[in-house]
Amino acid sequence: MDLLENMNAALDYIENNLDDEINYEEIAKIACFSEHHFKRMFSFIAGIPLTVYVRRRRLTLAAFDLKEVNMRVIDVAVKYGYHSPDSFSRAFQTLHEVTPSSAKNSDVPLKAYPRMTFQIAIKGDVEMNYRFVEKEAFTVVGKKETVASSETEFNPKMWEHLEEIEENVKPYDNTSFSGILHVSLTKEDGDIDYYIATATTKSCPEEFEQLQISSHTWAVFEAKGEMPEALLTTWERVYTEWFPTSGYELAEDPEFVRGINDITEIWIPVKKKKQKRGADAPSFAY
């Protein structure tokens, strides 16, 4: 199977288990990625987090069940994994803007999110400049915000005070690895711990948070052009073009954007992908 077939096979698994418990580790295994890597790649390709896609598909089918099959609200809630009618009603109303009970009426407008299909064209017709960096463990301090996976766009509230936060962080920039770091750590539940920080050897003040970053091999990409468009485009190309053909996969540690002088770099922790052996090995390395 190639990359495209693997990704669509993972979507088949999701579709077949929307009314059952979904094992995200199994989804990633089907796609031949680590769970962390698959979730990140899905988010960049699809434009929404994997958990949001699953929730939208379940609530789309729930609306059909309420309107066409005329199931009870509590039965539909249980079918699609909600532990109480109240939590189901809140999620349903957030998506469809009507209550589950009113969805039974024929004239009530509802929203449908169709099953997604991946059609990826990896052309490689535009060069990507990158380098590998072996870096020892280091510590960063700065402001932290947790961005929920339910958010369809990554838009931290801290950005409203970006310049002020960066100025407050700069006095702690005392290592050879200088510059402001925008660190993103994806947690198991899909939420992202986001830091505006700097590498330091100083003690962490009360108003800041501290994060230890492990020793790693980092793939470093320079984003060139108008910001933030150039940054977003580069990040997307890393996941949809570079990773599938590089022989590397994402390590489960923070990624960060480093701004130094007038250069903006994306630092991604990577590890060599284990090659499968035998008849089940894919036709090319990811």
C-alpha atoms as a PDB file:
ATOM      1  CA  MET A   1       0.000   0.000   0.000  1.00  0.00           C
ATOM      2  CA  ASP A   2       1.237   3.550  -0.668  1.00  0.00           C
ATOM      3  CA  LEU A   3       0.739   6.632   1.474  1.00  0.00           C
ATOM      4  CA  LEU A   4      -2.568   7.613  -0.114  1.00  0.00           C
ATOM      5  CA  GLU A   5      -4.039   4.131   0.303  1.00  0.00           C
ATOM      6  CA  ASN A   6      -2.864   3.954   3.927  1.00  0.00           C
ATOM      7  CA  MET A   7      -4.444   7.283   4.801  1.00  0.00           C
ATOM      8  CA  ASN A   8      -7.744   6.343   3.186  1.00  0.00           C
ATOM      9  CA  ALA A   9      -7.672   2.938   4.897  1.00  0.00           C
ATOM     10  CA  ALA A  10      -7.380   4.820   8.194  1.00  0.00           C
ATOM     11  CA  LEU A  11     -10.454   6.856   7.228  1.00  0.00           C
ATOM     12  CA  ASP A  12     -12.276   3.602   6.425  1.00  0.00           C
ATOM     13  CA  TYR A  13     -11.547   2.409   9.950  1.00  0.00           C
ATOM     14  CA  ILE A  14     -12.941   5.650  11.395  1.00  0.00           C
ATOM     15  CA  GLU A  15     -16.068   5.408   9.271  1.00  0.00           C
ATOM     16  CA  ASN A  16     -16.674   1.798  10.295  1.00  0.00           C
ATOM     17  CA  ASN A  17     -16.355   2.621  13.990  1.00  0.00           C
ATOM     18  CA  LEU A  18     -18.254   5.888  14.358  1.00  0.00           C
ATOM     19  CA  ASP A  19     -20.869   4.069  16.443  1.00  0.00           C
ATOM     20  CA  ASP A  20     -18.229   2.238  18.462  1.00  0.00           C
ATOM     21  CA  GLU A  21     -15.089   3.058  20.418  1.00  0.00           C
ATOM     22  CA  ILE A  22     -12.375   4.447  18.156  1.00  0.00           C
ATOM     23  CA  ASN A  23      -8.827   3.315  18.864  1.00  0.00           C
ATOM     24  CA  TYR A  24      -6.556   6.138  17.703  1.00  0.00           C
ATOM     25  CA  GLU A  25      -3.468   3.988  18.076  1.00  0.00           C
ATOM     26  CA  GLU A  26      -5.035   1.496  15.668  1.00  0.00           C
ATOM     27  CA  ILE A  27      -5.842   4.265  13.190  1.00  0.00           C
ATOM     28  CA  ALA A  28      -2.208   5.366  13.191  1.00  0.00           C
ATOM     29  CA  LYS A  29      -1.038   1.764  12.779  1.00  0.00           C
ATOM     30  CA  ILE A  30      -3.244   1.373   9.700  1.00  0.00           C
ATOM     31  CA  ALA A  31      -1.725   4.543   8.250  1.00  0.00           C
ATOM     32  CA  CYS A  32       1.806   3.267   9.092  1.00  0.00           C
ATOM     33  CA  PHE A  33       2.629   6.216  11.335  1.00  0.00           C
ATOM     34  CA  SER A  34       3.033   6.827  15.028  1.00  0.00           C
ATOM     35  CA  GLU A  35      -0.173   8.115  16.645  1.00  0.00           C
ATOM     36  CA  HIS A  36       1.345  11.535  17.266  1.00  0.00           C
ATOM     37  CA  HIS A  37       2.642  11.810  13.705  1.00  0.00           C
ATOM     38  CA  PHE A  38      -0.674  10.723  12.169  1.00  0.00           C
ATOM     39  CA  LYS A  39      -2.674  13.255  14.175  1.00  0.00           C
ATOM     40  CA  ARG A  40      -0.315  16.057  13.149  1.00  0.00           C
ATOM     41  CA  MET A  41      -0.325  15.036   9.491  1.00  0.00           C
ATOM     42  CA  PHE A  42      -4.118  14.688   9.464  1.00  0.00           C
ATOM     43  CA  SER A  43      -4.495  18.156  10.934  1.00  0.00           C
ATOM     44  CA  PHE A  44      -2.292  19.742   8.271  1.00  0.00           C
ATOM     45  CA  ILE A  45      -3.865  17.870   5.359  1.00  0.00           C
ATOM     46  CA  ALA A  46      -7.486  18.139   6.495  1.00  0.00           C
ATOM     47  CA  GLY A  47      -7.293  21.578   8.070  1.00  0.00           C
ATOM     48  CA  ILE A  48      -8.964  20.368  11.309  1.00  0.00           C
ATOM     49  CA  PRO A  49      -7.856  18.123  14.207  1.00  0.00           C
ATOM     50  CA  LEU A  50      -8.681  14.430  13.939  1.00  0.00           C
ATOM     51  CA  THR A  51     -10.919  14.581  17.010  1.00  0.00           C
ATOM     52  CA  VAL A  52     -12.971  17.392  15.467  1.00  0.00           C
ATOM     53  CA  TYR A  53     -13.430  15.377  12.262  1.00  0.00           C
ATOM     54  CA  VAL A  54     -14.628  12.336  14.219  1.00  0.00           C
ATOM     55  CA  ARG A  55     -17.028  14.446  16.262  1.00  0.00           C
ATOM     56  CA  ARG A  56     -18.480  16.105  13.160  1.00  0.00           C
ATOM     57  CA  ARG A  57     -19.001  12.765  11.414  1.00  0.00           C
ATOM     58  CA  ARG A  58     -20.702  11.271  14.464  1.00  0.00           C
ATOM     59  CA  LEU A  59     -23.031  14.240  14.883  1.00  0.00           C
ATOM     60  CA  THR A  60     -23.813  14.171  11.160  1.00  0.00           C
ATOM     61  CA  LEU A  61     -24.931  10.546  11.431  1.00  0.00           C
ATOM     62  CA  ALA A  62     -26.754  11.308  14.681  1.00  0.00           C
ATOM     63  CA  ALA A  63     -28.885  13.877  12.861  1.00  0.00           C
ATOM     64  CA  PHE A  64     -29.820  11.268  10.236  1.00  0.00           C
ATOM     65  CA  ASP A  65     -30.792   8.807  12.963  1.00  0.00           C
ATOM     66  CA  LEU A  66     -32.996  11.361  14.704  1.00  0.00           C
ATOM     67  CA  LYS A  67     -34.738  12.522  11.546  1.00  0.00           C
ATOM     68  CA  GLU A  68     -34.937   9.392   9.376  1.00  0.00           C
ATOM     69  CA  VAL A  69     -34.854   6.492  11.835  1.00  0.00           C
ATOM     70  CA  ASN A  70     -36.731   8.427  14.540  1.00  0.00           C
ATOM     71  CA  MET A  71     -34.535   7.099  17.346  1.00  0.00           C
ATOM     72  CA  ARG A  72     -34.831   8.428  20.889  1.00  0.00           C
ATOM     73  CA  VAL A  73     -32.318  11.135  21.813  1.00  0.00           C
ATOM     74  CA  ILE A  74     -30.853   9.043  24.640  1.00  0.00           C
ATOM     75  CA  ASP A  75     -30.368   6.049  22.307  1.00  0.00           C
ATOM     76  CA  VAL A  76     -28.590   8.202  19.721  1.00  0.00           C
ATOM     77  CA  ALA A  77     -26.397   9.723  22.427  1.00  0.00           C
ATOM     78  CA  VAL A  78     -25.285   6.289  23.627  1.00  0.00           C
ATOM     79  CA  LYS A  79     -24.782   5.023  20.075  1.00  0.00           C
ATOM     80  CA  TYR A  80     -22.258   7.755  19.299  1.00  0.00           C
ATOM     81  CA  GLY A  81     -20.306   7.547  22.545  1.00  0.00           C
ATOM     82  CA  TYR A  82     -21.849  10.269  24.704  1.00  0.00           C
ATOM     83  CA  HIS A  83     -22.166   9.402  28.376  1.00  0.00           C
ATOM     84  CA  SER A  84     -25.211  11.550  28.991  1.00  0.00           C
ATOM     85  CA  PRO A  85     -28.051  13.104  26.942  1.00  0.00           C
ATOM     86  CA  ASP A  86     -26.978  16.532  28.209  1.00  0.00           C
ATOM     87  CA  SER A  87     -23.425  16.293  26.832  1.00  0.00           C
ATOM     88  CA  PHE A  88     -24.820  14.965  23.548  1.00  0.00           C
ATOM     89  CA  SER A  89     -27.380  17.777  23.348  1.00  0.00           C
ATOM     90  CA  ARG A  90     -24.706  20.429  23.933  1.00  0.00           C
ATOM     91  CA  ALA A  91     -22.434  18.988  21.223  1.00  0.00           C
ATOM     92  CA  PHE A  92     -25.354  18.539  18.821  1.00  0.00           C
ATOM     93  CA  GLN A  93     -26.598  22.078  19.315  1.00  0.00           C
ATOM     94  CA  THR A  94     -23.098  23.525  18.914  1.00  0.00           C
ATOM     95  CA  LEU A  95     -22.771  21.872  15.503  1.00  0.00           C
ATOM     96  CA  HIS A  96     -26.316  21.990  14.130  1.00  0.00           C
ATOM     97  CA  GLU A  97     -27.552  25.077  16.016  1.00  0.00           C
ATOM     98  CA  VAL A  98     -30.759  23.219  16.961  1.00  0.00           C
ATOM     99  CA  THR A  99     -31.603  20.784  19.751  1.00  0.00           C
ATOM    100  CA  PRO A 100     -31.702  17.023  19.068  1.00  0.00           C
ATOM    101  CA  SER A 101     -35.434  16.946  19.790  1.00  0.00           C
ATOM    102  CA  SER A 102     -36.226  19.661  17.261  1.00  0.00           C
ATOM    103  CA  ALA A 103     -34.097  17.839  14.632  1.00  0.00           C
ATOM    104  CA  LYS A 104     -36.918  15.346  14.278  1.00  0.00           C
ATOM    105  CA  ASN A 105     -39.041  18.006  12.550  1.00  0.00           C
ATOM    106  CA  SER A 106     -38.858  17.853   8.763  1.00  0.00           C
ATOM    107  CA  ASP A 107     -38.436  21.597   8.254  1.00  0.00           C
ATOM    108  CA  VAL A 108     -35.470  22.064  10.604  1.00  0.00           C
ATOM    109  CA  PRO A 109     -32.172  22.858   8.786  1.00  0.00           C
ATOM    110  CA  LEU A 110     -29.234  20.630   9.737  1.00  0.00           C
ATOM    111  CA  LYS A 111     -25.564  20.450   8.809  1.00  0.00           C
ATOM    112  CA  ALA A 112     -23.832  17.501   7.187  1.00  0.00           C
ATOM    113  CA  TYR A 113     -20.095  16.841   7.122  1.00  0.00           C
ATOM    114  CA  PRO A 114     -19.420  14.135   4.490  1.00  0.00           C
ATOM    115  CA  ARG A 115     -16.808  11.424   4.845  1.00  0.00           C
ATOM    116  CA  MET A 116     -13.403  12.747   3.875  1.00  0.00           C
ATOM    117  CA  THR A 117     -11.195  11.194   1.184  1.00  0.00           C
ATOM    118  CA  PHE A 118      -7.507  11.971   0.803  1.00  0.00           C
ATOM    119  CA  GLN A 119      -6.159  12.831  -2.613  1.00  0.00           C
ATOM    120  CA  ILE A 120      -2.551  13.813  -2.096  1.00  0.00           C
ATOM    121  CA  ALA A 121      -0.255  14.906  -4.905  1.00  0.00           C
ATOM    122  CA  ILE A 122       3.391  14.784  -3.843  1.00  0.00           C
ATOM    123  CA  LYS A 123       5.092  16.508  -6.762  1.00  0.00           C
ATOM    124  CA  GLY A 124       8.387  17.649  -5.329  1.00  0.00           C
ATOM    125  CA  ASP A 125       8.614  20.305  -8.041  1.00  0.00           C
ATOM    126  CA  VAL A 126       9.534  23.080  -5.578  1.00  0.00           C
ATOM    127  CA  GLU A 127      12.705  22.596  -3.578  1.00  0.00           C
ATOM    128  CA  MET A 128      12.707  22.469   0.217  1.00  0.00           C
ATOM    129  CA  ASN A 129      15.830  23.589   2.042  1.00  0.00           C
ATOM    130  CA  TYR A 130      16.461  21.957   5.400  1.00  0.00           C
ATOM    131  CA  ARG A 131      19.236  20.826   7.714  1.00  0.00           C
ATOM    132  CA  PHE A 132      19.578  18.345  10.572  1.00  0.00           C
ATOM    133  CA  VAL A 133      20.736  19.577  13.972  1.00  0.00           C
ATOM    134  CA  GLU A 134      21.818  17.335  16.865  1.00  0.00           C
ATOM    135  CA  LYS A 135      20.994  19.365  19.963  1.00  0.00           C
ATOM    136  CA  GLU A 136      21.473  18.628  23.639  1.00  0.00           C
ATOM    137  CA  ALA A 137      18.642  19.009  26.145  1.00  0.00           C
ATOM    138  CA  PHE A 138      17.786  22.559  27.156  1.00  0.00           C
ATOM    139  CA  THR A 139      15.291  24.501  29.266  1.00  0.00           C
ATOM    140  CA  VAL A 140      12.892  27.227  28.174  1.00  0.00           C
ATOM    141  CA  VAL A 141      10.845  29.658  30.256  1.00  0.00           C
ATOM    142  CA  GLY A 142       7.977  31.825  29.123  1.00  0.00           C
ATOM    143  CA  LYS A 143       4.232  32.325  29.000  1.00  0.00           C
ATOM    144  CA  LYS A 144       2.070  29.259  28.475  1.00  0.00           C
ATOM    145  CA  GLU A 145      -1.454  28.763  27.146  1.00  0.00           C
ATOM    146  CA  THR A 146      -3.327  25.510  26.512  1.00  0.00           C
ATOM    147  CA  VAL A 147      -5.247  25.577  23.217  1.00  0.00           C
ATOM    148  CA  ALA A 148      -8.116  23.081  23.143  1.00  0.00           C
ATOM    149  CA  SER A 149      -8.286  20.511  20.354  1.00  0.00           C
ATOM    150  CA  SER A 150     -11.923  21.526  19.831  1.00  0.00           C
ATOM    151  CA  GLU A 151     -10.735  24.799  18.329  1.00  0.00           C
ATOM    152  CA  THR A 152     -10.873  24.575  14.536  1.00  0.00           C
ATOM    153  CA  GLU A 153      -8.112  27.191  14.195  1.00  0.00           C
ATOM    154  CA  PHE A 154      -4.922  27.605  16.201  1.00  0.00           C
ATOM    155  CA  ASN A 155      -5.380  31.120  17.547  1.00  0.00           C
ATOM    156  CA  PRO A 156      -3.969  31.510  21.084  1.00  0.00           C
ATOM    157  CA  LYS A 157      -5.271  34.441  23.135  1.00  0.00           C
ATOM    158  CA  MET A 158      -1.636  35.302  23.952  1.00  0.00           C
ATOM    159  CA  TRP A 159      -1.206  36.592  20.410  1.00  0.00           C
ATOM    160  CA  GLU A 160      -3.259  39.638  21.407  1.00  0.00           C
ATOM    161  CA  HIS A 161      -0.302  40.638  23.628  1.00  0.00           C
ATOM    162  CA  LEU A 162       2.489  39.089  21.562  1.00  0.00           C
ATOM    163  CA  GLU A 163       4.965  41.996  21.541  1.00  0.00           C
ATOM    164  CA  GLU A 164       4.547  42.619  25.260  1.00  0.00           C
ATOM    165  CA  ILE A 165       5.118  38.938  26.117  1.00  0.00           C
ATOM    166  CA  GLU A 166       8.182  38.704  23.878  1.00  0.00           C
ATOM    167  CA  GLU A 167       9.693  41.787  25.544  1.00  0.00           C
ATOM    168  CA  ASN A 168       9.095  40.284  28.992  1.00  0.00           C
ATOM    169  CA  VAL A 169      10.738  37.017  27.917  1.00  0.00           C
ATOM    170  CA  LYS A 170      13.860  38.531  26.313  1.00  0.00           C
ATOM    171  CA  PRO A 171      15.773  39.230  29.578  1.00  0.00           C
ATOM    172  CA  TYR A 172      15.955  35.459  30.160  1.00  0.00           C
ATOM    173  CA  ASP A 173      17.629  34.812  26.792  1.00  0.00           C
ATOM    174  CA  ASN A 174      21.139  34.008  28.060  1.00  0.00           C
ATOM    175  CA  THR A 175      22.334  30.953  26.094  1.00  0.00           C
ATOM    176  CA  SER A 176      24.080  30.485  22.771  1.00  0.00           C
ATOM    177  CA  PHE A 177      20.735  29.236  21.428  1.00  0.00           C
ATOM    178  CA  SER A 178      19.281  32.724  21.338  1.00  0.00           C
ATOM    179  CA  GLY A 179      15.978  34.023  20.035  1.00  0.00           C
ATOM    180  CA  ILE A 180      12.279  33.897  20.855  1.00  0.00           C
ATOM    181  CA  LEU A 181      10.803  30.401  20.679  1.00  0.00           C
ATOM    182  CA  HIS A 182       7.153  29.623  19.949  1.00  0.00           C
ATOM    183  CA  VAL A 183       6.862  26.087  21.343  1.00  0.00           C
ATOM    184  CA  SER A 184       3.962  23.706  20.655  1.00  0.00           C
ATOM    185  CA  LEU A 185       3.550  20.495  22.647  1.00  0.00           C
ATOM    186  CA  THR A 186       0.635  18.280  21.545  1.00  0.00           C
ATOM    187  CA  LYS A 187      -0.811  16.298  24.462  1.00  0.00           C
ATOM    188  CA  GLU A 188      -2.496  12.893  24.365  1.00  0.00           C
ATOM    189  CA  ASP A 189      -5.987  14.427  24.347  1.00  0.00           C
ATOM    190  CA  GLY A 190      -5.092  16.568  21.325  1.00  0.00           C
ATOM    191  CA  ASP A 191      -4.858  19.835  23.258  1.00  0.00           C
ATOM    192  CA  ILE A 192      -1.727  21.914  22.638  1.00  0.00           C
ATOM    193  CA  ASP A 193       0.445  23.509  25.317  1.00  0.00           C
ATOM    194  CA  TYR A 194       1.770  26.624  23.594  1.00  0.00           C
ATOM    195  CA  TYR A 195       4.670  28.672  24.955  1.00  0.00           C
ATOM    196  CA  ILE A 196       6.168  32.009  23.993  1.00  0.00           C
ATOM    197  CA  ALA A 197       9.572  31.451  25.541  1.00  0.00           C
ATOM    198  CA  THR A 198      13.342  31.498  25.309  1.00  0.00           C
ATOM    199  CA  ALA A 199      16.151  29.105  26.160  1.00  0.00           C
ATOM    200  CA  THR A 200      17.710  29.990  29.483  1.00  0.00           C
ATOM    201  CA  THR A 201      19.800  28.861  32.461  1.00  0.00           C
ATOM    202  CA  LYS A 202      18.065  31.310  34.804  1.00  0.00           C
ATOM    203  CA  SER A 203      15.497  30.337  37.412  1.00  0.00           C
ATOM    204  CA  CYS A 204      11.877  30.452  36.309  1.00  0.00           C
ATOM    205  CA  PRO A 205       9.988  33.463  37.733  1.00  0.00           C
ATOM    206  CA  GLU A 206       6.478  33.078  39.170  1.00  0.00           C
ATOM    207  CA  GLU A 207       4.767  34.663  36.178  1.00  0.00           C
ATOM    208  CA  PHE A 208       6.344  32.198  33.713  1.00  0.00           C
ATOM    209  CA  GLU A 209       6.208  28.449  33.047  1.00  0.00           C
ATOM    210  CA  GLN A 210       9.242  26.202  32.544  1.00  0.00           C
ATOM    211  CA  LEU A 211       9.621  23.376  30.023  1.00  0.00           C
ATOM    212  CA  GLN A 212      12.435  20.852  29.669  1.00  0.00           C
ATOM    213  CA  ILE A 213      13.168  19.890  26.057  1.00  0.00           C
ATOM    214  CA  SER A 214      15.038  16.633  25.528  1.00  0.00           C
ATOM    215  CA  SER A 215      18.115  15.961  23.457  1.00  0.00           C
ATOM    216  CA  HIS A 216      17.073  15.295  19.865  1.00  0.00           C
ATOM    217  CA  THR A 217      17.766  15.250  16.195  1.00  0.00           C
ATOM    218  CA  TRP A 218      15.904  18.213  14.736  1.00  0.00           C
ATOM    219  CA  ALA A 219      14.900  18.841  11.135  1.00  0.00           C
ATOM    220  CA  VAL A 220      15.117  22.591  10.642  1.00  0.00           C
ATOM    221  CA  PHE A 221      13.270  24.421   7.880  1.00  0.00           C
ATOM    222  CA  GLU A 222      13.520  28.115   7.036  1.00  0.00           C
ATOM    223  CA  ALA A 223      10.276  29.919   6.254  1.00  0.00           C
ATOM    224  CA  LYS A 224      10.740  32.644   3.628  1.00  0.00           C
ATOM    225  CA  GLY A 225       8.187  35.208   2.505  1.00  0.00           C
ATOM    226  CA  GLU A 226       5.324  37.161   3.981  1.00  0.00           C
ATOM    227  CA  MET A 227       4.332  36.062   7.474  1.00  0.00           C
ATOM    228  CA  PRO A 228       2.314  34.262   8.696  1.00  0.00           C
ATOM    229  CA  GLU A 229       1.479  32.800   5.253  1.00  0.00           C
ATOM    230  CA  ALA A 230       5.063  31.628   4.605  1.00  0.00           C
ATOM    231  CA  LEU A 231       5.200  29.921   7.996  1.00  0.00           C
ATOM    232  CA  LEU A 232       1.922  28.082   7.475  1.00  0.00           C
ATOM    233  CA  THR A 233       2.842  27.047   3.928  1.00  0.00           C
ATOM    234  CA  THR A 234       6.249  25.737   5.009  1.00  0.00           C
ATOM    235  CA  TRP A 235       4.756  23.788   7.916  1.00  0.00           C
ATOM    236  CA  GLU A 236       2.147  22.224   5.660  1.00  0.00           C
ATOM    237  CA  ARG A 237       4.758  21.211   3.078  1.00  0.00           C
ATOM    238  CA  VAL A 238       6.896  19.612   5.802  1.00  0.00           C
ATOM    239  CA  TYR A 239       4.033  17.283   6.741  1.00  0.00           C
ATOM    240  CA  THR A 240       2.556  16.595   3.335  1.00  0.00           C
ATOM    241  CA  GLU A 241       5.723  16.520   1.184  1.00  0.00           C
ATOM    242  CA  TRP A 242       8.897  16.151   3.247  1.00  0.00           C
ATOM    243  CA  PHE A 243       7.869  13.577   5.862  1.00  0.00           C
ATOM    244  CA  PRO A 244       6.262  11.046   3.455  1.00  0.00           C
ATOM    245  CA  THR A 245       9.454  10.715   1.426  1.00  0.00           C
ATOM    246  CA  SER A 246      12.183  11.458   3.997  1.00  0.00           C
ATOM    247  CA  GLY A 247      12.481   8.160   5.870  1.00  0.00           C
ATOM    248  CA  TYR A 248      11.897  10.060   9.117  1.00  0.00           C
ATOM    249  CA  GLU A 249       8.908  10.418  11.415  1.00  0.00           C
ATOM    250  CA  LEU A 250       7.883  12.853  14.088  1.00  0.00           C
ATOM    251  CA  ALA A 251       9.283  12.298  17.570  1.00  0.00           C
ATOM    252  CA  GLU A 252       6.822  12.812  20.406  1.00  0.00           C
ATOM    253  CA  ASP A 253       8.266  16.055  21.728  1.00  0.00           C
ATOM    254  CA  PRO A 254       7.642  19.770  21.243  1.00  0.00           C
ATOM    255  CA  GLU A 255       8.008  21.522  17.923  1.00  0.00           C
ATOM    256  CA  PHE A 256       8.945  25.170  17.866  1.00  0.00           C
ATOM    257  CA  VAL A 257       9.370  28.198  15.685  1.00  0.00           C
ATOM    258  CA  ARG A 258      12.559  30.154  16.305  1.00  0.00           C
ATOM    259  CA  GLY A 259      12.880  33.800  15.405  1.00  0.00           C
ATOM    260  CA  ILE A 260      16.429  35.123  15.310  1.00  0.00           C
ATOM    261  CA  ASN A 261      17.461  38.354  13.583  1.00  0.00           C
ATOM    262  CA  ASP A 262      15.252  38.365  10.455  1.00  0.00           C
ATOM    263  CA  ILE A 263      15.167  34.588  10.042  1.00  0.00           C
ATOM    264  CA  THR A 264      12.218  32.375  10.971  1.00  0.00           C
ATOM    265  CA  GLU A 265      12.914  28.666  11.411  1.00  0.00           C
ATOM    266  CA  ILE A 266      10.687  25.668  12.111  1.00  0.00           C
ATOM    267  CA  TRP A 267      12.343  23.086  14.368  1.00  0.00           C
ATOM    268  CA  ILE A 268      10.767  19.619  14.328  1.00  0.00           C
ATOM    269  CA  PRO A 269      12.034  16.685  16.442  1.00  0.00           C
ATOM    270  CA  VAL A 270      12.473  13.633  14.232  1.00  0.00           C
ATOM    271  CA  LYS A 271      13.591  10.038  14.429  1.00  0.00           C
ATOM    272  CA  LYS A 272      14.489   7.514  11.768  1.00  0.00           C
ATOM    273  CA  LYS A 273      11.439   5.517  10.755  1.00  0.00           C
ATOM    274  CA  LYS A 274      11.723   1.797  11.364  1.00  0.00           C
ATOM    275  CA  GLN A 275      11.589  -0.131   8.117  1.00  0.00           C
ATOM    276  CA  LYS A 276       9.216  -3.063   7.895  1.00  0.00           C
ATOM    277  CA  ARG A 277      10.580  -6.355   6.675  1.00  0.00           C
ATOM    278  CA  GLY A 278       8.917  -9.140   4.785  1.00  0.00           C
ATOM    279  CA  ALA A 279       5.904  -9.310   2.512  1.00  0.00           C
ATOM    280  CA  ASP A 280       3.940  -6.629   4.344  1.00  0.00           C
ATOM    281  CA  ALA A 281       6.547  -3.937   3.843  1.00  0.00           C
ATOM    282  CA  PRO A 282       5.260  -0.891   1.944  1.00  0.00           C
ATOM    283  CA  SER A 283       6.619  -0.149  -1.487  1.00  0.00           C
ATOM    284  CA  PHE A 284       8.480   2.960  -0.362  1.00  0.00           C
ATOM    285  CA  ALA A 285       9.845   4.416   2.871  1.00  0.00           C
ATOM    286  CA  TYR A 286       7.983   7.227   4.587  1.00  0.00           C
END
